[in-house]
C-alpha atoms as a PDB file:
ATOM      1  CA  MET A   1      22.987 -11.880  -2.918  1.00  0.00           C
ATOM      2  CA  ALA A   2      21.020  -9.804  -5.156  1.00  0.00           C
ATOM      3  CA  LYS A   3      20.100  -6.606  -4.581  1.00  0.00           C
ATOM      4  CA  ARG A   4      16.348  -5.597  -4.107  1.00  0.00           C
ATOM      5  CA  LYS A   5      15.155  -2.594  -5.961  1.00  0.00           C
ATOM      6  CA  ALA A   6      13.851   0.045  -3.480  1.00  0.00           C
ATOM      7  CA  LEU A   7      10.475   0.971  -3.456  1.00  0.00           C
ATOM      8  CA  GLY A   8       9.260   3.562  -5.576  1.00  0.00           C
ATOM      9  CA  LYS A   9      12.421   3.628  -7.276  1.00  0.00           C
ATOM     10  CA  GLY A  10      10.968   2.576 -10.513  1.00  0.00           C
ATOM     11  CA  LEU A  11       8.411   4.581 -10.228  1.00  0.00           C
ATOM     12  CA  SER A  12      10.647   7.772  -9.864  1.00  0.00           C
ATOM     13  CA  ALA A  13      12.498   7.249 -13.027  1.00  0.00           C
ATOM     14  CA  LEU A  14       9.180   7.251 -14.855  1.00  0.00           C
ATOM     15  CA  ILE A  15       7.973  10.158 -13.098  1.00  0.00           C
ATOM     16  CA  PRO A  16      10.228  13.370 -13.465  1.00  0.00           C
ATOM     17  CA  ASP A  17      10.553  15.172  -9.682  1.00  0.00           C
ATOM     18  CA  ALA A  18       9.113  18.601  -9.425  1.00  0.00           C
ATOM     19  CA  ASP A  19      12.751  20.261  -9.962  1.00  0.00           C
ATOM     20  CA  GLN A  20      12.822  18.213 -12.799  1.00  0.00           C
ATOM     21  CA  LEU A  21      10.196  19.537 -15.010  1.00  0.00           C
ATOM     22  CA  ASP A  22      11.918  22.534 -16.666  1.00  0.00           C
ATOM     23  CA  SER A  23      15.163  20.819 -17.521  1.00  0.00           C
ATOM     24  CA  GLN A  24      13.043  17.454 -18.511  1.00  0.00           C
ATOM     25  CA  GLN A  25      10.470  19.183 -21.821  1.00  0.00           C
ATOM     26  CA  GLU A  26      10.246  16.343 -23.666  1.00  0.00           C
ATOM     27  CA  GLU A  27       9.712  13.976 -20.864  1.00  0.00           C
ATOM     28  CA  PHE A  28       5.812  15.557 -21.085  1.00  0.00           C
ATOM     29  CA  PHE A  29       3.208  17.656 -22.277  1.00  0.00           C
ATOM     30  CA  GLN A  30      -0.119  19.098 -21.385  1.00  0.00           C
ATOM     31  CA  CYS A  31      -2.612  16.732 -22.072  1.00  0.00           C
ATOM     32  CA  PRO A  32      -6.093  18.140 -22.467  1.00  0.00           C
ATOM     33  CA  VAL A  33      -7.935  16.206 -19.532  1.00  0.00           C
ATOM     34  CA  GLU A  34     -10.600  15.195 -21.200  1.00  0.00           C
ATOM     35  CA  ALA A  35      -8.352  12.806 -23.260  1.00  0.00           C
ATOM     36  CA  ILE A  36      -7.886  11.243 -20.520  1.00  0.00           C
ATOM     37  CA  GLU A  37      -9.940   7.752 -18.789  1.00  0.00           C
ATOM     38  CA  PRO A  38      -9.031   5.993 -15.860  1.00  0.00           C
ATOM     39  CA  ASN A  39      -7.285   3.395 -15.121  1.00  0.00           C
ATOM     40  CA  PRO A  40      -9.603  -0.471 -15.014  1.00  0.00           C
ATOM     41  CA  TYR A  41      -6.483  -1.858 -13.134  1.00  0.00           C
ATOM     42  CA  GLN A  42      -6.395   0.835 -10.544  1.00  0.00           C
ATOM     43  CA  PRO A  43      -5.799  -1.172  -7.021  1.00  0.00           C
ATOM     44  CA  ARG A  44      -7.151   1.830  -5.223  1.00  0.00           C
ATOM     45  CA  GLN A  45     -10.618   2.012  -4.934  1.00  0.00           C
ATOM     46  CA  GLU A  46     -11.345   4.424  -1.905  1.00  0.00           C
ATOM     47  CA  PHE A  47     -10.434   8.034  -2.261  1.00  0.00           C
ATOM     48  CA  SER A  48     -11.379  10.329   0.982  1.00  0.00           C
ATOM     49  CA  ALA A  49     -13.768  12.881  -0.035  1.00  0.00           C
ATOM     50  CA  PRO A  50     -11.577  15.443   2.781  1.00  0.00           C
ATOM     51  CA  GLU A  51      -8.172  14.190   1.160  1.00  0.00           C
ATOM     52  CA  LEU A  52      -9.328  15.427  -2.495  1.00  0.00           C
ATOM     53  CA  GLU A  53     -10.983  18.133  -1.295  1.00  0.00           C
ATOM     54  CA  GLU A  54      -7.404  19.149   0.155  1.00  0.00           C
ATOM     55  CA  MET A  55      -5.631  18.460  -3.528  1.00  0.00           C
ATOM     56  CA  VAL A  56      -8.376  20.473  -5.501  1.00  0.00           C
ATOM     57  CA  ALA A  57      -7.649  23.121  -3.054  1.00  0.00           C
ATOM     58  CA  SER A  58      -3.825  22.657  -3.706  1.00  0.00           C
ATOM     59  CA  VAL A  59      -4.299  22.269  -7.388  1.00  0.00           C
ATOM     60  CA  ARG A  60      -6.108  25.673  -7.590  1.00  0.00           C
ATOM     61  CA  GLU A  61      -3.396  27.634  -6.576  1.00  0.00           C
ATOM     62  CA  LYS A  62      -0.363  25.444  -7.338  1.00  0.00           C
ATOM     63  CA  GLY A  63      -1.261  23.218 -10.377  1.00  0.00           C
ATOM     64  CA  ILE A  64      -0.655  19.654 -10.986  1.00  0.00           C
ATOM     65  CA  ILE A  65       3.279  19.884 -10.457  1.00  0.00           C
ATOM     66  CA  THR A  66       4.007  16.029 -10.684  1.00  0.00           C
ATOM     67  CA  PRO A  67       3.090  14.666 -13.701  1.00  0.00           C
ATOM     68  CA  LEU A  68       0.469  11.851 -14.733  1.00  0.00           C
ATOM     69  CA  LEU A  69       1.792   8.528 -15.800  1.00  0.00           C
ATOM     70  CA  VAL A  70      -0.543   8.096 -19.141  1.00  0.00           C
ATOM     71  CA  SER A  71      -0.711   5.136 -22.037  1.00  0.00           C
ATOM     72  CA  ARG A  72      -1.740   5.487 -25.404  1.00  0.00           C
ATOM     73  CA  THR A  73      -5.121   4.292 -26.542  1.00  0.00           C
ATOM     74  CA  GLU A  74      -6.969   4.269 -29.691  1.00  0.00           C
ATOM     75  CA  THR A  75      -9.109   6.971 -28.498  1.00  0.00           C
ATOM     76  CA  GLY A  76      -6.941   9.141 -26.159  1.00  0.00           C
ATOM     77  CA  TYR A  77      -4.701   8.284 -23.151  1.00  0.00           C
ATOM     78  CA  GLN A  78      -5.299   5.727 -20.287  1.00  0.00           C
ATOM     79  CA  LEU A  79      -4.115   6.436 -16.753  1.00  0.00           C
ATOM     80  CA  ILE A  80      -1.268   4.089 -15.368  1.00  0.00           C
ATOM     81  CA  ALA A  81      -0.834   6.370 -11.898  1.00  0.00           C
ATOM     82  CA  GLY A  82      -2.137   9.512 -10.948  1.00  0.00           C
ATOM     83  CA  GLU A  83      -5.633   9.021 -10.473  1.00  0.00           C
ATOM     84  CA  ARG A  84      -6.073  11.108  -7.564  1.00  0.00           C
ATOM     85  CA  ARG A  85      -4.215  14.138  -9.259  1.00  0.00           C
ATOM     86  CA  TRP A  86      -6.446  13.769 -12.262  1.00  0.00           C
ATOM     87  CA  ARG A  87      -9.851  13.804 -10.080  1.00  0.00           C
ATOM     88  CA  ALA A  88      -8.416  16.508  -7.994  1.00  0.00           C
ATOM     89  CA  ALA A  89      -7.648  18.406 -11.398  1.00  0.00           C
ATOM     90  CA  GLN A  90     -11.566  18.126 -12.895  1.00  0.00           C
ATOM     91  CA  LYS A  91     -12.839  19.401  -9.891  1.00  0.00           C
ATOM     92  CA  ALA A  92     -11.096  22.505 -10.128  1.00  0.00           C
ATOM     93  CA  GLY A  93     -12.069  23.055 -13.262  1.00  0.00           C
ATOM     94  CA  LEU A  94      -7.890  22.388 -14.551  1.00  0.00           C
ATOM     95  CA  ARG A  95      -8.684  21.703 -19.082  1.00  0.00           C
ATOM     96  CA  ARG A  96      -4.565  20.460 -19.067  1.00  0.00           C
ATOM     97  CA  VAL A  97      -2.565  18.540 -17.231  1.00  0.00           C
ATOM     98  CA  PRO A  98       0.979  16.899 -17.371  1.00  0.00           C
ATOM     99  CA  VAL A  99       1.622  13.656 -18.404  1.00  0.00           C
ATOM    100  CA  VAL A 100       4.237  10.999 -19.221  1.00  0.00           C
ATOM    101  CA  VAL A 101       3.339   8.484 -21.663  1.00  0.00           C
ATOM    102  CA  ARG A 102       5.049   4.803 -21.246  1.00  0.00           C
ATOM    103  CA  GLU A 103       3.796   2.280 -23.201  1.00  0.00           C
ATOM    104  CA  ALA A 104       2.237  -0.757 -20.787  1.00  0.00           C
ATOM    105  CA  THR A 105       0.492  -3.970 -20.776  1.00  0.00           C
ATOM    106  CA  PRO A 106      -2.630  -3.971 -18.506  1.00  0.00           C
ATOM    107  CA  THR A 107      -0.128  -6.214 -15.893  1.00  0.00           C
ATOM    108  CA  GLU A 108       2.416  -3.786 -15.789  1.00  0.00           C
ATOM    109  CA  SER A 109      -0.113  -1.017 -15.802  1.00  0.00           C
ATOM    110  CA  LEU A 110      -1.464  -2.730 -12.569  1.00  0.00           C
ATOM    111  CA  GLU A 111       2.587  -2.730 -11.412  1.00  0.00           C
ATOM    112  CA  LEU A 112       3.044   0.475 -12.110  1.00  0.00           C
ATOM    113  CA  ALA A 113      -0.274   2.219 -10.398  1.00  0.00           C
ATOM    114  CA  LEU A 114       0.421  -0.225  -6.966  1.00  0.00           C
ATOM    115  CA  ILE A 115       4.074   1.087  -7.026  1.00  0.00           C
ATOM    116  CA  GLU A 116       2.797   4.702  -6.820  1.00  0.00           C
ATOM    117  CA  ASN A 117      -0.180   3.855  -4.194  1.00  0.00           C
ATOM    118  CA  ILE A 118       1.653   1.515  -1.820  1.00  0.00           C
ATOM    119  CA  HIS A 119       4.645   4.224  -1.970  1.00  0.00           C
ATOM    120  CA  ARG A 120       2.314   7.110  -1.376  1.00  0.00           C
ATOM    121  CA  LYS A 121       0.671   4.721   1.282  1.00  0.00           C
ATOM    122  CA  ASP A 122      -2.686   5.999   0.057  1.00  0.00           C
ATOM    123  CA  LEU A 123      -3.314   1.953  -0.101  1.00  0.00           C
ATOM    124  CA  ASN A 124      -5.619   0.201   2.407  1.00  0.00           C
ATOM    125  CA  PRO A 125      -4.420  -3.353   4.070  1.00  0.00           C
ATOM    126  CA  ILE A 126      -7.155  -4.804   1.684  1.00  0.00           C
ATOM    127  CA  GLU A 127      -6.581  -3.174  -1.732  1.00  0.00           C
ATOM    128  CA  GLU A 128      -3.417  -3.493  -1.366  1.00  0.00           C
ATOM    129  CA  ALA A 129      -3.891  -7.365  -0.704  1.00  0.00           C
ATOM    130  CA  VAL A 130      -6.338  -7.603  -3.793  1.00  0.00           C
ATOM    131  CA  ALA A 131      -3.444  -5.819  -6.286  1.00  0.00           C
ATOM    132  CA  TYR A 132      -0.976  -8.271  -5.191  1.00  0.00           C
ATOM    133  CA  GLY A 133      -3.570 -11.481  -5.437  1.00  0.00           C
ATOM    134  CA  LYS A 134      -3.781 -10.006  -8.849  1.00  0.00           C
ATOM    135  CA  LEU A 135      -0.488  -9.394 -10.076  1.00  0.00           C
ATOM    136  CA  LEU A 136       0.187 -13.167  -8.709  1.00  0.00           C
ATOM    137  CA  GLU A 137      -2.751 -14.651 -10.818  1.00  0.00           C
ATOM    138  CA  GLU A 138      -1.878 -12.604 -14.112  1.00  0.00           C
ATOM    139  CA  THR A 139       2.167 -13.095 -13.784  1.00  0.00           C
ATOM    140  CA  GLY A 140       2.134 -16.347 -12.209  1.00  0.00           C
ATOM    141  CA  ILE A 141       4.877 -15.650 -10.111  1.00  0.00           C
ATOM    142  CA  THR A 142       6.029 -16.425  -6.829  1.00  0.00           C
ATOM    143  CA  GLN A 143       5.640 -14.357  -3.854  1.00  0.00           C
ATOM    144  CA  GLU A 144       9.071 -14.102  -3.322  1.00  0.00           C
ATOM    145  CA  ALA A 145       9.907 -13.129  -7.193  1.00  0.00           C
ATOM    146  CA  LEU A 146       6.609  -9.985  -6.400  1.00  0.00           C
ATOM    147  CA  ALA A 147       8.480  -9.065  -3.288  1.00  0.00           C
ATOM    148  CA  THR A 148      11.690  -8.431  -4.808  1.00  0.00           C
ATOM    149  CA  ARG A 149      10.086  -6.183  -7.797  1.00  0.00           C
ATOM    150  CA  LEU A 150       7.957  -4.022  -5.181  1.00  0.00           C
ATOM    151  CA  GLY A 151      10.816  -3.834  -2.959  1.00  0.00           C
ATOM    152  CA  LYS A 152       8.958  -5.534   0.247  1.00  0.00           C
ATOM    153  CA  ASP A 153      10.014  -8.649   1.442  1.00  0.00           C
ATOM    154  CA  ARG A 154       7.712 -11.602   1.055  1.00  0.00           C
ATOM    155  CA  SER A 155       6.234 -12.342   4.644  1.00  0.00           C
ATOM    156  CA  SER A 156       4.413  -8.996   4.448  1.00  0.00           C
ATOM    157  CA  ILE A 157       2.401  -9.543   1.402  1.00  0.00           C
ATOM    158  CA  THR A 158       1.751 -13.187   2.666  1.00  0.00           C
ATOM    159  CA  ASN A 159       0.627 -11.722   6.088  1.00  0.00           C
ATOM    160  CA  LEU A 160      -1.449  -9.068   3.964  1.00  0.00           C
ATOM    161  CA  LEU A 161      -3.003 -11.924   1.318  1.00  0.00           C
ATOM    162  CA  ARG A 162      -4.035 -13.495   4.304  1.00  0.00           C
ATOM    163  CA  LEU A 163      -6.757 -11.097   4.928  1.00  0.00           C
ATOM    164  CA  LEU A 164      -8.621 -11.653   1.763  1.00  0.00           C
ATOM    165  CA  LYS A 165      -9.747 -14.957   3.591  1.00  0.00           C
ATOM    166  CA  LEU A 166     -11.313 -13.089   5.860  1.00  0.00           C
ATOM    167  CA  PRO A 167     -16.002 -13.072   5.476  1.00  0.00           C
ATOM    168  CA  LEU A 168     -16.126  -9.846   3.185  1.00  0.00           C
ATOM    169  CA  LYS A 169     -18.028  -8.091   6.094  1.00  0.00           C
ATOM    170  CA  ILE A 170     -14.833  -7.986   8.023  1.00  0.00           C
ATOM    171  CA  GLN A 171     -13.078  -7.038   4.901  1.00  0.00           C
ATOM    172  CA  GLN A 172     -14.796  -4.022   4.775  1.00  0.00           C
ATOM    173  CA  ASP A 173     -14.492  -3.318   8.366  1.00  0.00           C
ATOM    174  CA  VAL A 174     -10.710  -2.808   7.616  1.00  0.00           C
ATOM    175  CA  ILE A 175     -11.605  -0.876   5.229  1.00  0.00           C
ATOM    176  CA  ASP A 176     -13.360   1.867   6.832  1.00  0.00           C
ATOM    177  CA  GLY A 177     -11.131   1.859   9.700  1.00  0.00           C
ATOM    178  CA  ARG A 178     -13.422   0.302  12.055  1.00  0.00           C
ATOM    179  CA  LEU A 179     -10.691  -2.428  12.831  1.00  0.00           C
ATOM    180  CA  SER A 180      -7.086  -1.983  12.366  1.00  0.00           C
ATOM    181  CA  THR A 181      -4.503  -4.328  10.239  1.00  0.00           C
ATOM    182  CA  GLY A 182      -3.326  -5.594  13.539  1.00  0.00           C
ATOM    183  CA  HIS A 183      -6.737  -6.146  14.492  1.00  0.00           C
ATOM    184  CA  ALA A 184      -7.869  -8.178  10.980  1.00  0.00           C
ATOM    185  CA  ARG A 185      -4.381 -10.251  11.367  1.00  0.00           C
ATOM    186  CA  LEU A 186      -5.676 -11.458  14.708  1.00  0.00           C
ATOM    187  CA  LEU A 187      -8.949 -12.279  13.356  1.00  0.00           C
ATOM    188  CA  ALA A 188      -7.289 -14.304  10.059  1.00  0.00           C
ATOM    189  CA  GLY A 189      -5.150 -16.577  12.719  1.00  0.00           C
ATOM    190  CA  PHE A 190      -8.749 -18.484  13.848  1.00  0.00           C
ATOM    191  CA  ASN A 191      -9.758 -20.929  11.318  1.00  0.00           C
ATOM    192  CA  ARG A 192     -13.169 -20.778  12.589  1.00  0.00           C
ATOM    193  CA  SER A 193     -15.892 -18.009  11.033  1.00  0.00           C
ATOM    194  CA  GLU A 194     -17.748 -17.982  14.305  1.00  0.00           C
ATOM    195  CA  ASP A 195     -14.711 -17.804  16.311  1.00  0.00           C
ATOM    196  CA  GLN A 196     -13.892 -14.620  13.931  1.00  0.00           C
ATOM    197  CA  TRP A 197     -17.408 -13.157  13.868  1.00  0.00           C
ATOM    198  CA  SER A 198     -17.076 -13.616  18.069  1.00  0.00           C
ATOM    199  CA  LEU A 199     -14.024 -11.449  18.215  1.00  0.00           C
ATOM    200  CA  ARG A 200     -15.171  -8.818  15.770  1.00  0.00           C
ATOM    201  CA  ASN A 201     -18.020  -7.801  17.495  1.00  0.00           C
ATOM    202  CA  LYS A 202     -16.517  -7.932  21.105  1.00  0.00           C
ATOM    203  CA  ILE A 203     -13.404  -5.851  19.312  1.00  0.00           C
ATOM    204  CA  ILE A 204     -15.961  -3.223  17.604  1.00  0.00           C
ATOM    205  CA  LYS A 205     -18.323  -3.102  20.626  1.00  0.00           C
ATOM    206  CA  LYS A 206     -15.868  -2.344  23.466  1.00  0.00           C
ATOM    207  CA  GLY A 207     -13.339  -0.372  21.184  1.00  0.00           C
ATOM    208  CA  LEU A 208     -10.621  -3.203  22.068  1.00  0.00           C
ATOM    209  CA  SER A 209      -6.604  -2.190  21.030  1.00  0.00           C
ATOM    210  CA  VAL A 210      -4.621  -4.856  18.886  1.00  0.00           C
ATOM    211  CA  ARG A 211      -3.394  -5.915  22.467  1.00  0.00           C
ATOM    212  CA  GLN A 212      -6.750  -6.256  24.780  1.00  0.00           C
ATOM    213  CA  ALA A 213      -8.142  -8.502  21.690  1.00  0.00           C
ATOM    214  CA  GLU A 214      -5.072 -11.023  21.621  1.00  0.00           C
ATOM    215  CA  ALA A 215      -5.803 -11.387  25.580  1.00  0.00           C
ATOM    216  CA  LEU A 216      -8.971 -11.986  24.892  1.00  0.00           C
ATOM    217  CA  ALA A 217      -8.313 -13.951  21.627  1.00  0.00           C
ATOM    218  CA  ARG A 218      -5.996 -16.309  24.491  1.00  0.00           C
ATOM    219  CA  ARG A 219      -8.424 -16.624  27.267  1.00  0.00           C
ATOM    220  CA  ALA A 220     -10.793 -17.740  24.243  1.00  0.00           C
ATOM    221  CA  LYS A 221      -8.629 -20.631  23.078  1.00  0.00           C
ATOM    222  CA  GLY A 222      -7.527 -21.567  27.165  1.00  0.00           C
ATOM    223  CA  ALA A 223      -3.313 -21.005  26.083  1.00  0.00           C
ATOM    224  CA  THR A 224      -0.721 -18.819  25.394  1.00  0.00           C
ATOM    225  CA  GLY A 225       0.757 -20.186  22.565  1.00  0.00           C
ATOM    226  CA  SER A 226       2.611 -23.500  22.188  1.00  0.00           C
ATOM    227  CA  ARG A 227       6.236 -24.455  22.124  1.00  0.00           C
ATOM    228  CA  GLY A 228       8.192 -23.271  19.362  1.00  0.00           C
ATOM    229  CA  LYS A 229       5.809 -21.370  17.924  1.00  0.00           C
ATOM    230  CA  LYS A 230       5.294 -17.356  18.422  1.00  0.00           C
ATOM    231  CA  PRO A 231       2.766 -16.617  21.112  1.00  0.00           C
ATOM    232  CA  PRO A 232      -0.142 -14.420  20.723  1.00  0.00           C
ATOM    233  CA  GLY A 233       0.907 -11.475  21.761  1.00  0.00           C
ATOM    234  CA  ASP A 234       3.952 -11.152  18.675  1.00  0.00           C
ATOM    235  CA  HIS A 235       0.461 -10.135  16.640  1.00  0.00           C
ATOM    236  CA  TYR A 236       0.955  -6.829  18.322  1.00  0.00           C
ATOM    237  CA  LEU A 237       4.586  -6.334  17.460  1.00  0.00           C
ATOM    238  CA  ARG A 238       3.955  -7.696  13.631  1.00  0.00           C
ATOM    239  CA  SER A 239       1.580  -5.616  12.815  1.00  0.00           C
ATOM    240  CA  LEU A 240       3.802  -2.670  13.945  1.00  0.00           C
ATOM    241  CA  GLU A 241       6.479  -4.386  12.381  1.00  0.00           C
ATOM    242  CA  ASP A 242       4.179  -3.477   9.291  1.00  0.00           C
ATOM    243  CA  SER A 243       3.393  -0.153   9.882  1.00  0.00           C
ATOM    244  CA  LEU A 244       6.641   0.506   9.809  1.00  0.00           C
ATOM    245  CA  LYS A 245       7.342  -1.172   6.584  1.00  0.00           C
ATOM    246  CA  ARG A 246       4.558   0.076   4.615  1.00  0.00           C
ATOM    247  CA  SER A 247       5.609   3.987   6.049  1.00  0.00           C
ATOM    248  CA  LEU A 248       9.939   3.179   5.110  1.00  0.00           C
ATOM    249  CA  GLY A 249       9.383   0.817   2.625  1.00  0.00           C
ATOM    250  CA  THR A 250      11.674  -1.990   3.715  1.00  0.00           C
ATOM    251  CA  LYS A 251      11.857  -4.605   5.666  1.00  0.00           C
ATOM    252  CA  VAL A 252      11.617  -3.853   9.446  1.00  0.00           C
ATOM    253  CA  GLU A 253      12.001  -6.067  12.362  1.00  0.00           C
ATOM    254  CA  ILE A 254      11.370  -5.247  16.071  1.00  0.00           C
ATOM    255  CA  ARG A 255      13.111  -8.119  18.477  1.00  0.00           C
ATOM    256  CA  LYS A 256      10.937  -7.385  22.078  1.00  0.00           C
ATOM    257  CA  ARG A 257      13.153  -9.307  25.332  1.00  0.00           C
ATOM    258  CA  GLY A 258      11.443  -8.252  28.466  1.00  0.00           C
ATOM    259  CA  LYS A 259      10.198  -4.770  27.857  1.00  0.00           C
ATOM    260  CA  ARG A 260      13.271  -4.229  26.186  1.00  0.00           C
ATOM    261  CA  GLY A 261      14.494  -4.893  23.018  1.00  0.00           C
ATOM    262  CA  THR A 262      15.375  -3.406  19.134  1.00  0.00           C
ATOM    263  CA  VAL A 263      14.165  -1.979  16.146  1.00  0.00           C
ATOM    264  CA  VAL A 264      16.145  -3.478  12.740  1.00  0.00           C
ATOM    265  CA  VAL A 265      15.640  -1.553   9.565  1.00  0.00           C
ATOM    266  CA  HIS A 266      16.983  -3.792   6.210  1.00  0.00           C
ATOM    267  CA  PHE A 267      18.708  -2.142   3.257  1.00  0.00           C
ATOM    268  CA  TYR A 268      19.525  -3.124   0.101  1.00  0.00           C
ATOM    269  CA  SER A 269      22.294  -1.327  -1.416  1.00  0.00           C
ATOM    270  CA  ASP A 270      23.469   2.325  -0.570  1.00  0.00           C
ATOM    271  CA  ASP A 271      20.467   4.255  -2.787  1.00  0.00           C
ATOM    272  CA  GLU A 272      18.621   2.832   0.028  1.00  0.00           C
ATOM    273  CA  LEU A 273      20.448   3.540   2.610  1.00  0.00           C
ATOM    274  CA  ASP A 274      20.531   6.749   1.825  1.00  0.00           C
ATOM    275  CA  ARG A 275      17.311   7.093   1.013  1.00  0.00           C
ATOM    276  CA  LEU A 276      16.593   5.416   4.484  1.00  0.00           C
ATOM    277  CA  LEU A 277      18.598   8.305   6.601  1.00  0.00           C
ATOM    278  CA  GLU A 278      16.965  10.881   4.597  1.00  0.00           C
ATOM    279  CA  ARG A 279      13.132   9.920   5.430  1.00  0.00           C
ATOM    280  CA  LEU A 280      14.416   9.065   8.955  1.00  0.00           C
ATOM    281  CA  GLY A 281      15.828  12.479   9.349  1.00  0.00           C
END
């Protein structure tokens, strides 16, 4: 079995770490802020004002520690990754920021921006799903191949893509935090939009947890699951698996029997094992 690249490993190879800056002067230079334009392929569309202000305060005190990744254009440079740092630098009044220049096609630019945002857990589930959809459409590759390139497992990509079939208003609920990813996955399991809206309204009005919503859905369907299929309650476990996958950047399985069970964390290379051990302390 071929080894899969660990999530974010490709990004770290492109952008030097803060402690490497002094030893790799040739890798980056100080670029005028106004010479940089935003990335039209940026998958992140929502920038939290409090988070941005927190970064602005940090930038004013310490400057930009990790350089931005850019590509050359006819008029200057275009961001590939690091838009939040660039925005913070503008608000902080910085005139120059450190940048690393890499040539990239629009598809490569989207992929690198996606990797950075996933690695830093900056995307909401809908933004991540939209980015996956764009990459699949523009590259023509399979979900399995995309999962390998991003260091994820195929099921997590498939499950997120299903969220794009939800009504746009429900997708916005997920973006705004009114619904969790687990809620959205549960709603995506309904074929009829009226069923989705009915459960969505009850979740928001009553503040239902994913488990409570699943119990309500079971009663509405009048069944507890068919033989050979996972019961509806497994939506909650799959939601937890997705959260751990996003946090650790690798495949995670939760196997539960009654009140007991195991959590299995997968790795695909010695380097990835070292990264996970460091992450888990």
